C-alpha atoms as a PDB file:
ATOM      1  CA  UNK A   1    -271.661 -97.875 -39.838  1.00  0.00           C
ATOM      2  CA  UNK A   2    -273.867 -97.164 -36.855  1.00  0.00           C
ATOM      3  CA  UNK A   3    -273.257 -94.262 -34.497  1.00  0.00           C
ATOM      4  CA  UNK A   4    -272.420 -96.691 -31.672  1.00  0.00           C
ATOM      5  CA  UNK A   5    -269.751 -98.476 -33.728  1.00  0.00           C
ATOM      6  CA  UNK A   6    -268.289 -95.159 -34.928  1.00  0.00           C
ATOM      7  CA  UNK A   7    -268.083 -93.940 -31.323  1.00  0.00           C
ATOM      8  CA  UNK A   8    -266.320 -97.147 -30.243  1.00  0.00           C
ATOM      9  CA  UNK A   9    -263.805 -96.836 -33.081  1.00  0.00           C
ATOM     10  CA  UNK A  10    -263.074 -93.172 -32.262  1.00  0.00           C
ATOM     11  CA  UNK A  11    -262.642 -94.009 -28.567  1.00  0.00           C
ATOM     12  CA  UNK A  12    -260.191 -96.815 -29.398  1.00  0.00           C
ATOM     13  CA  UNK A  13    -258.198 -94.492 -31.679  1.00  0.00           C
ATOM     14  CA  UNK A  14    -258.045 -91.786 -28.998  1.00  0.00           C
ATOM     15  CA  UNK A  15    -256.901 -94.241 -26.332  1.00  0.00           C
ATOM     16  CA  UNK A  16    -254.296 -95.647 -28.682  1.00  0.00           C
ATOM     17  CA  UNK A  17    -252.933 -92.164 -29.280  1.00  0.00           C
ATOM     18  CA  UNK A  18    -252.375 -91.661 -25.556  1.00  0.00           C
ATOM     19  CA  UNK A  19    -249.666 -94.316 -25.409  1.00  0.00           C
ATOM     20  CA  UNK A  20    -246.604 -93.803 -27.557  1.00  0.00           C
ATOM     21  CA  UNK A  21    -244.908 -97.167 -28.016  1.00  0.00           C
ATOM     22  CA  UNK A  22    -242.063 -98.228 -30.300  1.00  0.00           C
ATOM     23  CA  UNK A  23    -241.022-101.841 -30.598  1.00  0.00           C
ATOM     24  CA  UNK A  24    -237.341-102.268 -29.835  1.00  0.00           C
ATOM     25  CA  UNK A  25    -235.776-105.085 -31.806  1.00  0.00           C
ATOM     26  CA  UNK A  26    -233.920-107.475 -29.523  1.00  0.00           C
ATOM     27  CA  UNK A  27    -230.206-107.159 -30.160  1.00  0.00           C
ATOM     28  CA  UNK A  28    -227.588-109.749 -29.278  1.00  0.00           C
ATOM     29  CA  UNK A  29    -225.029-106.975 -28.637  1.00  0.00           C
ATOM     30  CA  UNK A  30    -225.394-107.486 -24.877  1.00  0.00           C
ATOM     31  CA  UNK A  31    -224.702-111.211 -25.171  1.00  0.00           C
ATOM     32  CA  UNK A  32    -221.359-112.792 -24.440  1.00  0.00           C
ATOM     33  CA  UNK A  33    -220.061-115.741 -26.503  1.00  0.00           C
ATOM     34  CA  UNK A  34    -221.133-118.103 -23.694  1.00  0.00           C
ATOM     35  CA  UNK A  35    -224.682-116.679 -23.813  1.00  0.00           C
ATOM     36  CA  UNK A  36    -224.938-117.182 -27.573  1.00  0.00           C
ATOM     37  CA  UNK A  37    -223.625-120.744 -27.334  1.00  0.00           C
ATOM     38  CA  UNK A  38    -225.921-121.787 -24.485  1.00  0.00           C
ATOM     39  CA  UNK A  39    -229.045-120.132 -25.909  1.00  0.00           C
ATOM     40  CA  UNK A  40    -228.409-121.585 -29.369  1.00  0.00           C
ATOM     41  CA  UNK A  41    -228.808-125.045 -27.822  1.00  0.00           C
ATOM     42  CA  UNK A  42    -231.576-124.240 -25.340  1.00  0.00           C
ATOM     43  CA  UNK A  43    -233.667-127.357 -24.518  1.00  0.00           C
ATOM     44  CA  UNK A  44    -236.977-125.495 -24.711  1.00  0.00           C
ATOM     45  CA  UNK A  45    -239.163-124.305 -27.555  1.00  0.00           C
ATOM     46  CA  UNK A  46    -238.129-120.843 -28.689  1.00  0.00           C
ATOM     47  CA  UNK A  47    -241.318-118.842 -28.832  1.00  0.00           C
ATOM     48  CA  UNK A  48    -241.957-115.122 -28.808  1.00  0.00           C
ATOM     49  CA  UNK A  49    -244.670-113.773 -26.529  1.00  0.00           C
ATOM     50  CA  UNK A  50    -247.561-111.769 -28.011  1.00  0.00           C
ATOM     51  CA  UNK A  51    -246.302-108.475 -29.470  1.00  0.00           C
ATOM     52  CA  UNK A  52    -247.563-106.394 -26.531  1.00  0.00           C
ATOM     53  CA  UNK A  53    -245.170-108.355 -24.262  1.00  0.00           C
ATOM     54  CA  UNK A  54    -242.179-107.946 -26.535  1.00  0.00           C
ATOM     55  CA  UNK A  55    -239.624-105.257 -25.697  1.00  0.00           C
ATOM     56  CA  UNK A  56    -240.813-101.701 -26.397  1.00  0.00           C
ATOM     57  CA  UNK A  57    -239.702 -98.126 -25.752  1.00  0.00           C
ATOM     58  CA  UNK A  58    -242.701 -96.344 -24.208  1.00  0.00           C
ATOM     59  CA  UNK A  59    -243.686 -93.011 -22.706  1.00  0.00           C
ATOM     60  CA  UNK A  60    -243.398 -93.153 -18.914  1.00  0.00           C
ATOM     61  CA  UNK A  61    -245.219 -90.727 -16.605  1.00  0.00           C
ATOM     62  CA  UNK A  62    -244.642 -92.447 -13.242  1.00  0.00           C
ATOM     63  CA  UNK A  63    -242.961 -90.735 -10.298  1.00  0.00           C
ATOM     64  CA  UNK A  64    -239.907 -93.030 -10.260  1.00  0.00           C
ATOM     65  CA  UNK A  65    -236.561 -91.557 -11.242  1.00  0.00           C
ATOM     66  CA  UNK A  66    -234.475 -92.736 -14.210  1.00  0.00           C
ATOM     67  CA  UNK A  67    -232.556 -95.912 -13.441  1.00  0.00           C
ATOM     68  CA  UNK A  68    -235.413 -97.444 -11.411  1.00  0.00           C
ATOM     69  CA  UNK A  69    -236.996-100.820 -12.190  1.00  0.00           C
ATOM     70  CA  UNK A  70    -240.789-100.784 -11.890  1.00  0.00           C
ATOM     71  CA  UNK A  71    -242.842-103.994 -12.106  1.00  0.00           C
ATOM     72  CA  UNK A  72    -246.572-103.760 -12.798  1.00  0.00           C
ATOM     73  CA  UNK A  73    -247.743-107.223 -11.728  1.00  0.00           C
ATOM     74  CA  UNK A  74    -251.337-106.623 -12.872  1.00  0.00           C
ATOM     75  CA  UNK A  75    -250.315-105.798 -16.448  1.00  0.00           C
ATOM     76  CA  UNK A  76    -247.303-108.181 -16.486  1.00  0.00           C
ATOM     77  CA  UNK A  77    -244.827-105.475 -17.496  1.00  0.00           C
ATOM     78  CA  UNK A  78    -241.408-104.521 -16.151  1.00  0.00           C
ATOM     79  CA  UNK A  79    -240.227-100.971 -16.869  1.00  0.00           C
ATOM     80  CA  UNK A  80    -236.668 -99.701 -16.786  1.00  0.00           C
ATOM     81  CA  UNK A  81    -237.142 -95.949 -16.378  1.00  0.00           C
ATOM     82  CA  UNK A  82    -234.963 -93.780 -18.606  1.00  0.00           C
ATOM     83  CA  UNK A  83    -234.402 -90.026 -19.014  1.00  0.00           C
ATOM     84  CA  UNK A  84    -236.801 -87.846 -20.963  1.00  0.00           C
ATOM     85  CA  UNK A  85    -240.053 -89.460 -19.837  1.00  0.00           C
ATOM     86  CA  UNK A  86    -239.259 -92.779 -21.512  1.00  0.00           C
ATOM     87  CA  UNK A  87    -238.897 -96.365 -20.324  1.00  0.00           C
ATOM     88  CA  UNK A  88    -237.974 -99.725 -21.759  1.00  0.00           C
ATOM     89  CA  UNK A  89    -240.957-102.016 -21.223  1.00  0.00           C
ATOM     90  CA  UNK A  90    -240.480-105.779 -21.060  1.00  0.00           C
ATOM     91  CA  UNK A  91    -243.164-108.450 -20.792  1.00  0.00           C
ATOM     92  CA  UNK A  92    -242.808-110.693 -17.728  1.00  0.00           C
ATOM     93  CA  UNK A  93    -244.279-113.681 -15.932  1.00  0.00           C
ATOM     94  CA  UNK A  94    -245.336-112.805 -12.380  1.00  0.00           C
ATOM     95  CA  UNK A  95    -246.225-114.729  -9.243  1.00  0.00           C
ATOM     96  CA  UNK A  96    -249.502-116.487  -8.714  1.00  0.00           C
ATOM     97  CA  UNK A  97    -252.042-114.730  -6.492  1.00  0.00           C
ATOM     98  CA  UNK A  98    -250.749-114.680  -2.919  1.00  0.00           C
ATOM     99  CA  UNK A  99    -247.183-115.582  -3.903  1.00  0.00           C
ATOM    100  CA  UNK A 100    -246.006-112.380  -5.571  1.00  0.00           C
ATOM    101  CA  UNK A 101    -243.670-109.903  -3.926  1.00  0.00           C
ATOM    102  CA  UNK A 102    -244.974-106.341  -3.619  1.00  0.00           C
ATOM    103  CA  UNK A 103    -243.189-103.277  -2.305  1.00  0.00           C
ATOM    104  CA  UNK A 104    -239.766-101.678  -2.619  1.00  0.00           C
ATOM    105  CA  UNK A 105    -236.394-103.388  -2.746  1.00  0.00           C
ATOM    106  CA  UNK A 106    -232.931-102.993  -4.213  1.00  0.00           C
ATOM    107  CA  UNK A 107    -230.806-105.199  -6.418  1.00  0.00           C
ATOM    108  CA  UNK A 108    -228.572-106.697  -3.749  1.00  0.00           C
ATOM    109  CA  UNK A 109    -226.730-109.149  -5.976  1.00  0.00           C
ATOM    110  CA  UNK A 110    -226.378-110.003  -9.663  1.00  0.00           C
ATOM    111  CA  UNK A 111    -225.456-113.365 -11.178  1.00  0.00           C
ATOM    112  CA  UNK A 112    -224.826-114.642 -14.689  1.00  0.00           C
ATOM    113  CA  UNK A 113    -226.199-118.135 -15.381  1.00  0.00           C
ATOM    114  CA  UNK A 114    -227.269-118.720 -11.764  1.00  0.00           C
ATOM    115  CA  UNK A 115    -227.829-122.029 -10.041  1.00  0.00           C
ATOM    116  CA  UNK A 116    -231.209-122.795  -8.457  1.00  0.00           C
ATOM    117  CA  UNK A 117    -231.865-124.198  -5.006  1.00  0.00           C
ATOM    118  CA  UNK A 118    -235.644-124.422  -4.470  1.00  0.00           C
ATOM    119  CA  UNK A 119    -236.962-123.161  -1.136  1.00  0.00           C
ATOM    120  CA  UNK A 120    -238.755-125.617   1.178  1.00  0.00           C
ATOM    121  CA  UNK A 121    -242.042-123.842   0.344  1.00  0.00           C
ATOM    122  CA  UNK A 122    -241.561-124.484  -3.388  1.00  0.00           C
ATOM    123  CA  UNK A 123    -240.707-128.129  -2.774  1.00  0.00           C
ATOM    124  CA  UNK A 124    -243.823-128.489  -0.657  1.00  0.00           C
ATOM    125  CA  UNK A 125    -246.044-126.947  -3.339  1.00  0.00           C
ATOM    126  CA  UNK A 126    -244.550-128.655  -6.397  1.00  0.00           C
ATOM    127  CA  UNK A 127    -243.893-132.392  -6.360  1.00  0.00           C
ATOM    128  CA  UNK A 128    -240.677-133.736  -7.870  1.00  0.00           C
ATOM    129  CA  UNK A 129    -238.640-130.541  -7.689  1.00  0.00           C
ATOM    130  CA  UNK A 130    -234.899-131.348  -7.438  1.00  0.00           C
ATOM    131  CA  UNK A 131    -232.785-130.096  -4.540  1.00  0.00           C
ATOM    132  CA  UNK A 132    -230.405-128.239  -6.865  1.00  0.00           C
ATOM    133  CA  UNK A 133    -230.148-127.287 -10.556  1.00  0.00           C
ATOM    134  CA  UNK A 134    -226.841-126.233 -12.069  1.00  0.00           C
ATOM    135  CA  UNK A 135    -226.409-123.281 -14.446  1.00  0.00           C
ATOM    136  CA  UNK A 136    -227.539-123.428 -18.053  1.00  0.00           C
ATOM    137  CA  UNK A 137    -230.533-122.888 -20.326  1.00  0.00           C
ATOM    138  CA  UNK A 138    -232.339-125.854 -18.709  1.00  0.00           C
ATOM    139  CA  UNK A 139    -232.340-123.990 -15.375  1.00  0.00           C
ATOM    140  CA  UNK A 140    -235.617-122.226 -14.431  1.00  0.00           C
ATOM    141  CA  UNK A 141    -233.547-119.159 -13.424  1.00  0.00           C
ATOM    142  CA  UNK A 142    -232.326-118.709 -16.990  1.00  0.00           C
ATOM    143  CA  UNK A 143    -229.415-116.562 -18.133  1.00  0.00           C
ATOM    144  CA  UNK A 144    -229.304-113.894 -15.409  1.00  0.00           C
ATOM    145  CA  UNK A 145    -230.668-113.198 -11.934  1.00  0.00           C
ATOM    146  CA  UNK A 146    -231.153-109.962 -10.003  1.00  0.00           C
ATOM    147  CA  UNK A 147    -231.591-110.750  -6.296  1.00  0.00           C
ATOM    148  CA  UNK A 148    -233.987-108.432  -4.467  1.00  0.00           C
ATOM    149  CA  UNK A 149    -232.948-107.231  -1.012  1.00  0.00           C
ATOM    150  CA  UNK A 150    -234.592-105.058   1.613  1.00  0.00           C
ATOM    151  CA  UNK A 151    -231.781-103.564   3.672  1.00  0.00           C
ATOM    152  CA  UNK A 152    -229.267-106.391   4.111  1.00  0.00           C
ATOM    153  CA  UNK A 153    -231.937-109.092   3.971  1.00  0.00           C
ATOM    154  CA  UNK A 154    -232.467-111.267   0.900  1.00  0.00           C
ATOM    155  CA  UNK A 155    -236.216-111.309   0.179  1.00  0.00           C
ATOM    156  CA  UNK A 156    -235.778-114.622  -1.732  1.00  0.00           C
ATOM    157  CA  UNK A 157    -237.528-112.952  -4.689  1.00  0.00           C
ATOM    158  CA  UNK A 158    -235.675-112.554  -7.977  1.00  0.00           C
ATOM    159  CA  UNK A 159    -235.930-110.998 -11.389  1.00  0.00           C
ATOM    160  CA  UNK A 160    -234.536-113.711 -13.637  1.00  0.00           C
ATOM    161  CA  UNK A 161    -234.640-115.451 -16.998  1.00  0.00           C
ATOM    162  CA  UNK A 162    -236.771-118.448 -17.829  1.00  0.00           C
ATOM    163  CA  UNK A 163    -236.811-121.806 -19.569  1.00  0.00           C
ATOM    164  CA  UNK A 164    -240.554-121.344 -20.213  1.00  0.00           C
ATOM    165  CA  UNK A 165    -240.864-118.339 -22.562  1.00  0.00           C
ATOM    166  CA  UNK A 166    -244.400-119.390 -23.500  1.00  0.00           C
ATOM    167  CA  UNK A 167    -245.646-118.125 -20.098  1.00  0.00           C
ATOM    168  CA  UNK A 168    -244.529-114.505 -20.512  1.00  0.00           C
ATOM    169  CA  UNK A 169    -247.588-112.334 -19.827  1.00  0.00           C
ATOM    170  CA  UNK A 170    -249.086-114.770 -17.294  1.00  0.00           C
ATOM    171  CA  UNK A 171    -249.213-115.131 -13.499  1.00  0.00           C
ATOM    172  CA  UNK A 172    -247.918-118.620 -12.767  1.00  0.00           C
ATOM    173  CA  UNK A 173    -244.554-118.304 -11.008  1.00  0.00           C
ATOM    174  CA  UNK A 174    -243.750-118.966  -7.367  1.00  0.00           C
ATOM    175  CA  UNK A 175    -243.394-115.237  -6.841  1.00  0.00           C
ATOM    176  CA  UNK A 176    -240.345-114.289  -8.878  1.00  0.00           C
ATOM    177  CA  UNK A 177    -240.413-112.076 -11.960  1.00  0.00           C
ATOM    178  CA  UNK A 178    -239.447-114.065 -15.063  1.00  0.00           C
ATOM    179  CA  UNK A 179    -238.202-112.512 -18.302  1.00  0.00           C
ATOM    180  CA  UNK A 180    -237.128-113.813 -21.687  1.00  0.00           C
ATOM    181  CA  UNK A 181    -233.451-114.707 -21.423  1.00  0.00           C
ATOM    182  CA  UNK A 182    -232.577-112.149 -24.114  1.00  0.00           C
ATOM    183  CA  UNK A 183    -234.483-109.480 -22.162  1.00  0.00           C
ATOM    184  CA  UNK A 184    -232.982-110.281 -18.765  1.00  0.00           C
ATOM    185  CA  UNK A 185    -229.489-110.118 -20.299  1.00  0.00           C
ATOM    186  CA  UNK A 186    -230.363-106.686 -21.703  1.00  0.00           C
ATOM    187  CA  UNK A 187    -231.731-105.474 -18.343  1.00  0.00           C
ATOM    188  CA  UNK A 188    -228.807-106.986 -16.397  1.00  0.00           C
ATOM    189  CA  UNK A 189    -226.343-104.934 -18.431  1.00  0.00           C
ATOM    190  CA  UNK A 190    -228.271-101.723 -17.730  1.00  0.00           C
ATOM    191  CA  UNK A 191    -228.622-101.942 -13.948  1.00  0.00           C
ATOM    192  CA  UNK A 192    -225.893-101.795 -11.295  1.00  0.00           C
ATOM    193  CA  UNK A 193    -226.089-103.406  -7.898  1.00  0.00           C
ATOM    194  CA  UNK A 194    -228.116-101.115  -5.641  1.00  0.00           C
ATOM    195  CA  UNK A 195    -230.705-100.272  -8.306  1.00  0.00           C
ATOM    196  CA  UNK A 196    -234.092 -99.433  -6.804  1.00  0.00           C
ATOM    197  CA  UNK A 197    -236.948-101.821  -7.597  1.00  0.00           C
ATOM    198  CA  UNK A 198    -240.626-101.012  -7.111  1.00  0.00           C
ATOM    199  CA  UNK A 199    -243.135-103.863  -7.463  1.00  0.00           C
ATOM    200  CA  UNK A 200    -246.736-102.649  -7.732  1.00  0.00           C
END
């Protein structure tokens, strides 16, 4: 082994040691009977994202206090900050360049199995979008939605589930933060209305 290769291997091992990460197995404990029934018959292919985008418990050194949601749009991660310098890290789909929300907001409303009414901007950008989609696993909003507000104003950005799990870890949405339905149910049960959200 050459000196250059040995140096690269040592550097990779050192960098890996800086991040303590434990995969958290997805539990259905947070799911209600309706969730289990609807997701069992979901009309989309059930795929898991790459392991790095699956739910993990990680070390967290950011300045945000426990109970805060932090979204890193560059890395496609959402963190729920916990006590003791830890966070639950979920993989997400984020908005395309120029469409993503950035800044601070609060969870102004929470909904289980939301409906979807596309905005005029979405209908202009994407041909054939219906005017309204009812609740269910076929809905692009998925199993849960957290509505982001600034003051009393709805920003029209959401953290929600998805009917396209294959895109977790990519930047293709119309600006919202998409999560696996199992993950958004887990997050939904952890955060009350009024939770602070920071989108980097």
